[in-house]
Amino acid sequence: MQQISRMLMKLFQRARLEKPGQVDPRAAEFTLSLLIAMYDRSGTGYVKTKSAAAALISLSGDTLLAKYRALFQFYAVPDGKETLITRSALRSLLTDLNQIPAIVGEGCTLSCVEIAIHDCFHGVLNAAIVKEKFLSWLRSEPAVLLWLPTCYRLSATEMVSHQARCR
């Protein structure tokens, strides 16, 4: 927990320097509280770094494709010349990401995760898939992660301004 706290302090300190006045001074504290609520419900004082990274990546302001690529990199394993994601790694990723909507009572069941894994690996004979297959599956907006592109679209529309006037 302390390691994640220090990392968040550095991250938001850098963000405050880049965007003065736009980052709440308590952002690191609030983010740590959110991560604890999502990933340490039993109060052990321990949050897996990979889980915290997955949450930060998915909640970042980056593009969907950049998020998907980063998530692949965090959960994939090297296999010779390629990097692949296994069924168990995908299960871990989806379980970690499912904690985000679960915090507001919108998470899905374990069977949703298993259905998503089966869907992702549909027609695949190998034990793991390459990045292109993983990204293609994510672009199809699987139900288990539908909240992610939806949140991205909502945040992207915040920056849109129209020249129309209302009466």
C-alpha atoms as a PDB file:
ATOM      1  CA  MET A   1       0.000   0.000   0.000  1.00  0.00           C
ATOM      2  CA  GLN A   2       2.827   2.403   0.831  1.00  0.00           C
ATOM      3  CA  GLN A   3       4.511   1.714  -2.495  1.00  0.00           C
ATOM      4  CA  ILE A   4       1.314   2.534  -4.381  1.00  0.00           C
ATOM      5  CA  SER A   5       0.789   5.635  -2.232  1.00  0.00           C
ATOM      6  CA  ARG A   6       4.280   6.935  -3.066  1.00  0.00           C
ATOM      7  CA  MET A   7       3.752   6.219  -6.747  1.00  0.00           C
ATOM      8  CA  LEU A   8       0.431   8.082  -6.736  1.00  0.00           C
ATOM      9  CA  MET A   9       1.995  11.066  -4.947  1.00  0.00           C
ATOM     10  CA  LYS A  10       4.700  11.283  -7.642  1.00  0.00           C
ATOM     11  CA  LEU A  11       2.173  10.795 -10.434  1.00  0.00           C
ATOM     12  CA  PHE A  12      -0.157  13.550  -9.252  1.00  0.00           C
ATOM     13  CA  GLN A  13       2.718  15.860  -8.332  1.00  0.00           C
ATOM     14  CA  ARG A  14       3.919  15.619 -11.922  1.00  0.00           C
ATOM     15  CA  ALA A  15       0.368  16.179 -13.165  1.00  0.00           C
ATOM     16  CA  ARG A  16       0.048  19.308 -11.000  1.00  0.00           C
ATOM     17  CA  LEU A  17       3.241  20.673 -12.551  1.00  0.00           C
ATOM     18  CA  GLU A  18       1.996  19.977 -16.077  1.00  0.00           C
ATOM     19  CA  LYS A  19      -1.505  21.360 -15.445  1.00  0.00           C
ATOM     20  CA  PRO A  20      -1.324  23.931 -12.635  1.00  0.00           C
ATOM     21  CA  GLY A  21      -4.621  24.492 -10.869  1.00  0.00           C
ATOM     22  CA  GLN A  22      -6.347  21.540 -12.550  1.00  0.00           C
ATOM     23  CA  VAL A  23      -5.332  18.724 -10.183  1.00  0.00           C
ATOM     24  CA  ASP A  24      -6.831  18.520  -6.711  1.00  0.00           C
ATOM     25  CA  PRO A  25      -4.081  18.413  -4.045  1.00  0.00           C
ATOM     26  CA  ARG A  26      -5.873  15.409  -2.507  1.00  0.00           C
ATOM     27  CA  ALA A  27      -6.029  13.451  -5.799  1.00  0.00           C
ATOM     28  CA  ALA A  28      -3.433  10.892  -4.669  1.00  0.00           C
ATOM     29  CA  GLU A  29      -5.277  10.358  -1.381  1.00  0.00           C
ATOM     30  CA  PHE A  30      -8.645   9.992  -3.132  1.00  0.00           C
ATOM     31  CA  THR A  31      -7.231   7.620  -5.740  1.00  0.00           C
ATOM     32  CA  LEU A  32      -5.593   5.457  -3.068  1.00  0.00           C
ATOM     33  CA  SER A  33      -8.907   5.313  -1.183  1.00  0.00           C
ATOM     34  CA  LEU A  34     -10.647   4.196  -4.371  1.00  0.00           C
ATOM     35  CA  LEU A  35      -8.027   1.501  -5.036  1.00  0.00           C
ATOM     36  CA  ILE A  36      -8.329   0.244  -1.464  1.00  0.00           C
ATOM     37  CA  ALA A  37     -12.125   0.126  -1.725  1.00  0.00           C
ATOM     38  CA  MET A  38     -11.873  -1.830  -4.977  1.00  0.00           C
ATOM     39  CA  TYR A  39      -9.018  -4.219  -4.240  1.00  0.00           C
ATOM     40  CA  ASP A  40      -8.724  -4.534  -0.446  1.00  0.00           C
ATOM     41  CA  ARG A  41     -12.254  -5.154   0.746  1.00  0.00           C
ATOM     42  CA  SER A  42     -11.066  -7.448   3.539  1.00  0.00           C
ATOM     43  CA  GLY A  43      -8.742  -4.778   4.960  1.00  0.00           C
ATOM     44  CA  THR A  44      -5.444  -6.630   4.621  1.00  0.00           C
ATOM     45  CA  GLY A  45      -3.529  -3.456   3.780  1.00  0.00           C
ATOM     46  CA  TYR A  46      -2.368  -5.034   0.543  1.00  0.00           C
ATOM     47  CA  VAL A  47      -3.317  -4.140  -3.032  1.00  0.00           C
ATOM     48  CA  LYS A  48      -1.682  -5.927  -5.953  1.00  0.00           C
ATOM     49  CA  THR A  49       0.346  -3.512  -8.044  1.00  0.00           C
ATOM     50  CA  LYS A  50      -0.946  -5.086 -11.245  1.00  0.00           C
ATOM     51  CA  SER A  51      -4.563  -4.568 -10.149  1.00  0.00           C
ATOM     52  CA  ALA A  52      -3.877  -0.936  -9.237  1.00  0.00           C
ATOM     53  CA  ALA A  53      -2.124  -0.386 -12.567  1.00  0.00           C
ATOM     54  CA  ALA A  54      -5.076  -1.900 -14.462  1.00  0.00           C
ATOM     55  CA  ALA A  55      -7.460   0.475 -12.693  1.00  0.00           C
ATOM     56  CA  LEU A  56      -5.252   3.505 -13.325  1.00  0.00           C
ATOM     57  CA  ILE A  57      -4.832   2.591 -16.989  1.00  0.00           C
ATOM     58  CA  SER A  58      -8.543   2.063 -17.525  1.00  0.00           C
ATOM     59  CA  LEU A  59      -9.490   5.281 -15.706  1.00  0.00           C
ATOM     60  CA  SER A  60      -6.822   7.372 -17.428  1.00  0.00           C
ATOM     61  CA  GLY A  61      -7.614  10.000 -20.028  1.00  0.00           C
ATOM     62  CA  ASP A  62      -5.771   8.104 -22.756  1.00  0.00           C
ATOM     63  CA  THR A  63      -7.397   6.748 -25.910  1.00  0.00           C
ATOM     64  CA  LEU A  64      -9.162   3.402 -25.805  1.00  0.00           C
ATOM     65  CA  LEU A  65      -6.567   1.781 -28.056  1.00  0.00           C
ATOM     66  CA  ALA A  66      -3.718   3.036 -25.871  1.00  0.00           C
ATOM     67  CA  LYS A  67      -5.505   1.667 -22.796  1.00  0.00           C
ATOM     68  CA  TYR A  68      -6.059  -1.700 -24.452  1.00  0.00           C
ATOM     69  CA  ARG A  69      -2.413  -1.940 -25.510  1.00  0.00           C
ATOM     70  CA  ALA A  70      -1.187  -1.022 -22.034  1.00  0.00           C
ATOM     71  CA  LEU A  71      -3.484  -3.591 -20.408  1.00  0.00           C
ATOM     72  CA  PHE A  72      -2.175  -6.235 -22.802  1.00  0.00           C
ATOM     73  CA  GLN A  73       1.424  -5.356 -21.888  1.00  0.00           C
ATOM     74  CA  PHE A  74       0.697  -5.622 -18.163  1.00  0.00           C
ATOM     75  CA  TYR A  75      -1.015  -9.005 -18.319  1.00  0.00           C
ATOM     76  CA  ALA A  76       0.687 -10.716 -21.273  1.00  0.00           C
ATOM     77  CA  VAL A  77       3.654 -13.038 -20.991  1.00  0.00           C
ATOM     78  CA  PRO A  78       6.651 -13.268 -23.324  1.00  0.00           C
ATOM     79  CA  ASP A  79       6.768 -16.437 -25.429  1.00  0.00           C
ATOM     80  CA  GLY A  80       9.846 -16.468 -27.606  1.00  0.00           C
ATOM     81  CA  LYS A  81       9.551 -13.683 -30.160  1.00  0.00           C
ATOM     82  CA  GLU A  82       5.929 -12.920 -29.299  1.00  0.00           C
ATOM     83  CA  THR A  83       4.038 -11.650 -26.292  1.00  0.00           C
ATOM     84  CA  LEU A  84       0.820 -13.534 -25.595  1.00  0.00           C
ATOM     85  CA  ILE A  85      -2.063 -13.381 -23.183  1.00  0.00           C
ATOM     86  CA  THR A  86      -3.235 -16.651 -21.663  1.00  0.00           C
ATOM     87  CA  ARG A  87      -6.704 -17.569 -20.468  1.00  0.00           C
ATOM     88  CA  SER A  88      -5.616 -17.254 -16.843  1.00  0.00           C
ATOM     89  CA  ALA A  89      -4.022 -13.846 -17.481  1.00  0.00           C
ATOM     90  CA  LEU A  90      -7.204 -12.679 -19.218  1.00  0.00           C
ATOM     91  CA  ARG A  91      -9.221 -13.985 -16.253  1.00  0.00           C
ATOM     92  CA  SER A  92      -7.028 -11.947 -13.886  1.00  0.00           C
ATOM     93  CA  LEU A  93      -7.365  -8.849 -16.064  1.00  0.00           C
ATOM     94  CA  LEU A  94     -11.156  -9.109 -16.348  1.00  0.00           C
ATOM     95  CA  THR A  95     -11.518  -9.847 -12.635  1.00  0.00           C
ATOM     96  CA  ASP A  96      -9.370  -6.821 -11.781  1.00  0.00           C
ATOM     97  CA  LEU A  97     -11.243  -4.543 -14.177  1.00  0.00           C
ATOM     98  CA  ASN A  98     -14.609  -5.843 -12.969  1.00  0.00           C
ATOM     99  CA  GLN A  99     -13.853  -4.309  -9.545  1.00  0.00           C
ATOM    100  CA  ILE A 100     -14.236  -0.825 -11.024  1.00  0.00           C
ATOM    101  CA  PRO A 101     -17.962  -1.012 -11.861  1.00  0.00           C
ATOM    102  CA  ALA A 102     -18.485  -3.302  -8.844  1.00  0.00           C
ATOM    103  CA  ILE A 103     -17.569  -0.425  -6.524  1.00  0.00           C
ATOM    104  CA  VAL A 104     -20.781   1.303  -7.635  1.00  0.00           C
ATOM    105  CA  GLY A 105     -22.830  -1.901  -7.610  1.00  0.00           C
ATOM    106  CA  GLU A 106     -22.578  -2.605 -11.342  1.00  0.00           C
ATOM    107  CA  GLY A 107     -20.119  -5.497 -11.485  1.00  0.00           C
ATOM    108  CA  CYS A 108     -20.913  -8.754 -13.209  1.00  0.00           C
ATOM    109  CA  THR A 109     -20.687 -12.292 -11.935  1.00  0.00           C
ATOM    110  CA  LEU A 110     -17.812 -14.720 -12.329  1.00  0.00           C
ATOM    111  CA  SER A 111     -19.810 -16.458 -15.068  1.00  0.00           C
ATOM    112  CA  CYS A 112     -19.712 -13.199 -17.106  1.00  0.00           C
ATOM    113  CA  VAL A 113     -15.928 -13.313 -16.933  1.00  0.00           C
ATOM    114  CA  GLU A 114     -15.854 -16.955 -18.039  1.00  0.00           C
ATOM    115  CA  ILE A 115     -18.225 -16.252 -20.934  1.00  0.00           C
ATOM    116  CA  ALA A 116     -16.012 -13.340 -22.012  1.00  0.00           C
ATOM    117  CA  ILE A 117     -12.891 -15.532 -21.892  1.00  0.00           C
ATOM    118  CA  HIS A 118     -14.636 -18.199 -23.953  1.00  0.00           C
ATOM    119  CA  ASP A 119     -15.726 -15.541 -26.448  1.00  0.00           C
ATOM    120  CA  CYS A 120     -12.237 -14.057 -26.704  1.00  0.00           C
ATOM    121  CA  PHE A 121     -10.662 -17.469 -27.310  1.00  0.00           C
ATOM    122  CA  HIS A 122     -13.412 -18.653 -29.679  1.00  0.00           C
ATOM    123  CA  GLY A 123     -11.811 -20.548 -32.551  1.00  0.00           C
ATOM    124  CA  VAL A 124      -8.352 -20.379 -30.945  1.00  0.00           C
ATOM    125  CA  LEU A 125      -6.571 -23.702 -30.596  1.00  0.00           C
ATOM    126  CA  ASN A 126      -3.559 -22.370 -28.691  1.00  0.00           C
ATOM    127  CA  ALA A 127      -3.383 -21.707 -24.951  1.00  0.00           C
ATOM    128  CA  ALA A 128      -2.740 -18.001 -25.555  1.00  0.00           C
ATOM    129  CA  ILE A 129      -3.518 -15.268 -28.056  1.00  0.00           C
ATOM    130  CA  VAL A 130      -1.460 -12.535 -29.707  1.00  0.00           C
ATOM    131  CA  LYS A 131      -2.013  -8.816 -29.201  1.00  0.00           C
ATOM    132  CA  GLU A 132      -3.928  -8.351 -32.480  1.00  0.00           C
ATOM    133  CA  LYS A 133      -6.542 -10.967 -31.539  1.00  0.00           C
ATOM    134  CA  PHE A 134      -6.851  -9.465 -28.046  1.00  0.00           C
ATOM    135  CA  LEU A 135      -7.274  -5.923 -29.428  1.00  0.00           C
ATOM    136  CA  SER A 136      -9.768  -7.117 -32.026  1.00  0.00           C
ATOM    137  CA  TRP A 137     -11.835  -8.765 -29.295  1.00  0.00           C
ATOM    138  CA  LEU A 138     -11.770  -5.609 -27.164  1.00  0.00           C
ATOM    139  CA  ARG A 139     -12.837  -3.474 -30.134  1.00  0.00           C
ATOM    140  CA  SER A 140     -15.945  -5.668 -30.422  1.00  0.00           C
ATOM    141  CA  GLU A 141     -16.926  -4.216 -27.009  1.00  0.00           C
ATOM    142  CA  PRO A 142     -17.526  -7.372 -24.968  1.00  0.00           C
ATOM    143  CA  ALA A 143     -20.374  -7.006 -22.478  1.00  0.00           C
ATOM    144  CA  VAL A 144     -18.113  -7.581 -19.470  1.00  0.00           C
ATOM    145  CA  LEU A 145     -16.133  -4.432 -20.357  1.00  0.00           C
ATOM    146  CA  LEU A 146     -18.844  -2.331 -21.972  1.00  0.00           C
ATOM    147  CA  TRP A 147     -18.415   0.265 -19.228  1.00  0.00           C
ATOM    148  CA  LEU A 148     -14.877   1.057 -20.431  1.00  0.00           C
ATOM    149  CA  PRO A 149     -15.664   2.407 -23.936  1.00  0.00           C
ATOM    150  CA  THR A 150     -18.815   4.024 -22.535  1.00  0.00           C
ATOM    151  CA  CYS A 151     -16.815   5.949 -19.920  1.00  0.00           C
ATOM    152  CA  TYR A 152     -14.266   6.881 -22.562  1.00  0.00           C
ATOM    153  CA  ARG A 153     -16.962   8.282 -24.847  1.00  0.00           C
ATOM    154  CA  LEU A 154     -18.509  10.238 -21.981  1.00  0.00           C
ATOM    155  CA  SER A 155     -15.179  11.768 -21.004  1.00  0.00           C
ATOM    156  CA  ALA A 156     -14.356  12.554 -24.643  1.00  0.00           C
ATOM    157  CA  THR A 157     -17.614  14.479 -25.018  1.00  0.00           C
ATOM    158  CA  GLU A 158     -16.718  16.718 -22.066  1.00  0.00           C
ATOM    159  CA  MET A 159     -14.197  18.489 -24.289  1.00  0.00           C
ATOM    160  CA  VAL A 160     -16.653  19.084 -27.138  1.00  0.00           C
ATOM    161  CA  SER A 161     -18.020  22.570 -27.519  1.00  0.00           C
ATOM    162  CA  HIS A 162     -20.746  23.589 -29.907  1.00  0.00           C
ATOM    163  CA  GLN A 163     -21.321  27.048 -31.306  1.00  0.00           C
ATOM    164  CA  ALA A 164     -25.106  26.646 -30.965  1.00  0.00           C
ATOM    165  CA  ARG A 165     -27.122  28.876 -28.659  1.00  0.00           C
ATOM    166  CA  CYS A 166     -30.169  27.800 -26.706  1.00  0.00           C
ATOM    167  CA  ARG A 167     -33.141  30.026 -26.023  1.00  0.00           C
END
